[in-house]
């Protein structure tokens, strides 16, 4: 992923989110918001929706200033392949199918 010209590892962002006590599982992907602009989006699994400012503050305390996600999306489950590998591309595709592609 790219945040302001700096490389950001989706695994590192996911690991920071997984440290949250209410999150069971999390993944980060790069998400287009305009034709020429992308942001880091975090998809997470938790019993309840966690408000975005609380998640942003939690990430800001654990990640460099340019790494925290800008979007937080609660899911019932993260998509996985037959070998239990996380399918980040499918996360993006499902979101775009349900909310429109930019």
Protein backbone atom coordinates (compact mmCIF):
# COMPACT_ATOMS: atom_id res chain seq x y z
CA UNK A 1 0.00 0.00 0.00
CA UNK A 2 1.06 3.59 -0.53
CA UNK A 3 0.33 6.44 1.88
CA UNK A 4 1.56 9.82 0.74
CA UNK A 5 4.40 8.27 -1.24
CA UNK A 6 5.53 6.00 1.60
CA UNK A 7 5.21 2.23 1.51
CA UNK A 8 2.88 0.82 4.18
CA UNK A 9 2.65 -2.88 4.96
CA UNK A 10 -0.92 -4.15 5.25
CA UNK A 11 0.34 -6.78 7.69
CA UNK A 12 1.70 -4.10 10.06
CA UNK A 13 -1.54 -2.13 10.02
CA UNK A 14 -3.55 -5.32 10.54
CA UNK A 15 -1.33 -6.32 13.46
CA UNK A 16 -1.90 -2.95 15.15
CA UNK A 17 -5.66 -3.33 14.77
CA UNK A 18 -5.57 -6.93 16.01
CA UNK A 19 -4.13 -5.61 19.29
CA UNK A 20 -7.45 -3.87 19.99
CA UNK A 21 -9.32 -5.80 22.72
CA UNK A 22 -12.68 -5.69 20.88
CA UNK A 23 -11.35 -6.78 17.47
CA UNK A 24 -11.24 -10.48 16.65
CA UNK A 25 -9.56 -10.11 13.26
CA UNK A 26 -8.50 -7.23 11.01
CA UNK A 27 -7.02 -6.55 7.59
CA UNK A 28 -5.91 -3.41 5.79
CA UNK A 29 -6.19 -2.68 2.07
CA UNK A 30 -5.61 0.27 -0.20
CA UNK A 31 -8.96 1.69 -1.29
CA UNK A 32 -9.55 4.20 -4.11
CA UNK A 33 -11.65 7.22 -3.09
CA UNK A 34 -11.15 9.28 -6.26
CA UNK A 35 -9.70 8.55 -9.66
CA UNK A 36 -6.21 9.59 -8.52
CA UNK A 37 -6.41 9.17 -4.74
CA UNK A 38 -6.34 6.13 -2.48
CA UNK A 39 -6.53 5.71 1.28
CA UNK A 40 -5.84 2.86 3.65
CA UNK A 41 -9.03 1.10 4.71
CA UNK A 42 -9.29 -1.26 7.66
CA UNK A 43 -11.79 -4.11 7.65
CA UNK A 44 -12.36 -5.64 11.07
CA UNK A 45 -14.42 -8.35 12.72
CA UNK A 46 -15.89 -7.57 16.14
CA UNK A 47 -19.09 -8.26 18.06
CA UNK A 48 -20.15 -4.60 17.83
CA UNK A 49 -19.32 -1.58 15.68
CA UNK A 50 -16.46 0.44 17.18
CA UNK A 51 -16.63 4.17 16.53
CA UNK A 52 -14.14 5.48 14.00
CA UNK A 53 -12.50 8.14 16.21
CA UNK A 54 -11.71 5.51 18.86
CA UNK A 55 -10.15 3.19 16.27
CA UNK A 56 -8.23 6.08 14.70
CA UNK A 57 -6.81 7.07 18.09
CA UNK A 58 -5.92 3.45 18.88
CA UNK A 59 -4.04 3.13 15.56
CA UNK A 60 -2.37 6.54 15.91
CA UNK A 61 -0.84 5.43 19.21
CA UNK A 62 0.68 2.32 17.57
CA UNK A 63 1.58 3.35 14.02
CA UNK A 64 3.66 6.06 12.38
CA UNK A 65 1.71 9.22 11.52
CA UNK A 66 1.23 8.29 7.85
CA UNK A 67 0.19 4.65 8.44
CA UNK A 68 -3.20 4.67 10.26
CA UNK A 69 -6.26 3.76 8.18
CA UNK A 70 -8.63 6.53 7.12
CA UNK A 71 -11.65 4.22 6.73
CA UNK A 72 -12.86 1.60 9.20
CA UNK A 73 -15.35 -1.02 8.02
CA UNK A 74 -16.87 -3.67 10.27
CA UNK A 75 -17.46 -7.09 8.65
CA UNK A 76 -19.06 -10.29 9.85
CA UNK A 77 -16.03 -12.24 8.57
CA UNK A 78 -12.96 -11.63 6.44
CA UNK A 79 -12.82 -13.61 3.18
CA UNK A 80 -10.39 -16.48 3.14
CA UNK A 81 -9.28 -18.96 0.51
CA UNK A 82 -9.21 -22.75 0.69
CA UNK A 83 -5.83 -22.61 2.47
CA UNK A 84 -7.16 -20.03 4.99
CA UNK A 85 -5.18 -17.21 3.37
CA UNK A 86 -6.76 -13.77 3.69
CA UNK A 87 -8.18 -12.55 0.35
CA UNK A 88 -7.48 -8.79 0.40
CA UNK A 89 -8.44 -8.36 -3.26
CA UNK A 90 -11.85 -9.84 -2.51
CA UNK A 91 -12.29 -7.39 0.39
CA UNK A 92 -11.81 -4.51 -2.06
CA UNK A 93 -14.02 -6.09 -4.73
CA UNK A 94 -16.86 -6.85 -2.31
CA UNK A 95 -16.78 -3.29 -0.96
CA UNK A 96 -16.82 -1.81 -4.47
CA UNK A 97 -19.67 -4.12 -5.54
CA UNK A 98 -21.76 -3.11 -2.53
CA UNK A 99 -20.92 0.60 -2.42
CA UNK A 100 -20.01 1.52 -5.98
CA UNK A 101 -16.61 1.78 -7.55
CA UNK A 102 -14.91 5.17 -7.67
